[in-house]
Amino acid sequence: MPAAASVIVRAKDEAADIERCLSRVRAQTVPVELLVVDSGSTDGTLDIAHRYADRVIEIAPADFTFGGALNTGATAAAAPIHVAVSAHCFLERDDWVERALAHFADPRVGGAFGTRTGLDGRPLSAPATVSGPEPRSVPYWGFTNHASAWRAETWRALPIDEGLPACEDREWFWRALDAGWSFVADPALWVSVGHRRDAGLRALYRRTRKEAAALSTITGRSDFDAPSAVRAWWAEMPAGGRRPALQRLNYLRATELAGRWAGERAARRGAA
């Protein structure tokens, strides 16, 4: 039976998580082509990948960029819909791919992604169609390739930027919207990004700083200064989160805000 979608998994030294990731892909309710793009693993990741994947594509670590790895996988993909899943993320529903595919029945839809909140920051209870320039005004919200789907036709017309150090998915999202494509934000497609915090404070700070610098460079906005960071820490609580007092004591959240402040400051100074 032909694959309903091609699933692209980027990996490097992900032996601790990739088997769970790939087994969740193989448990999907529709047939998929599974491609692993590896950039120099030395820890057993490749052995695991070969057991699950239809094809393992190896690229040199020196040639790796996030966008380049996705373009490599998309070039090899055979199905009309591509799905990106990071090797440390896990599809939490057996019908994740099937549900994503249903959104592409509308020929105007170029991509689909999971989120628990809408553009306005409020909890999202049903799929919402996103179009036009508005998402650019909320740069920290939107399409993300830790788990997302896009139409191969959209990608062929708009390849992912291989030169960006981070946030290549967000930049691609905005370009596709500018080109007239719409997207579907579906809370049922949400996949945990707990791996960000599980990596430790130093890694979380560095990752958040890198992403904030990239977003500032892409958007030309770098207005998250020290007073903004303090206001966000005090007043901007995550939707559905715990009591404000506990959120203010959350050192992980504080680390993310510090990383964002440092990243935008670096962008302002031209040191990103």
Foldseek 3Di string as FASTA:
>chain_A
DDAQEEEEEEDAQLVVFQLQALVLVVLAPTHYAYEYEYAHHDNCPVVSCVVRHPYYHYDHNVQDAPLVSVLVSLVPDDHQKYKAAYSNWHFPDSHLVVVQSVVCVPVLAFKEAEDQADPVQAGDDFKDKAADQVVLVVQVDDFDRNTMMGGSVLCVVPRFDRPQRDPSRSLSVNVSRVVRGMYIYGNSNDIDPCVLPVVDLVSVLQVLLSHLLRSCVSSVDLPCAPVNLVCCLQPVDRHPDDDSVVSNVPVSVNSNSNSNNNNSVCNVVVND
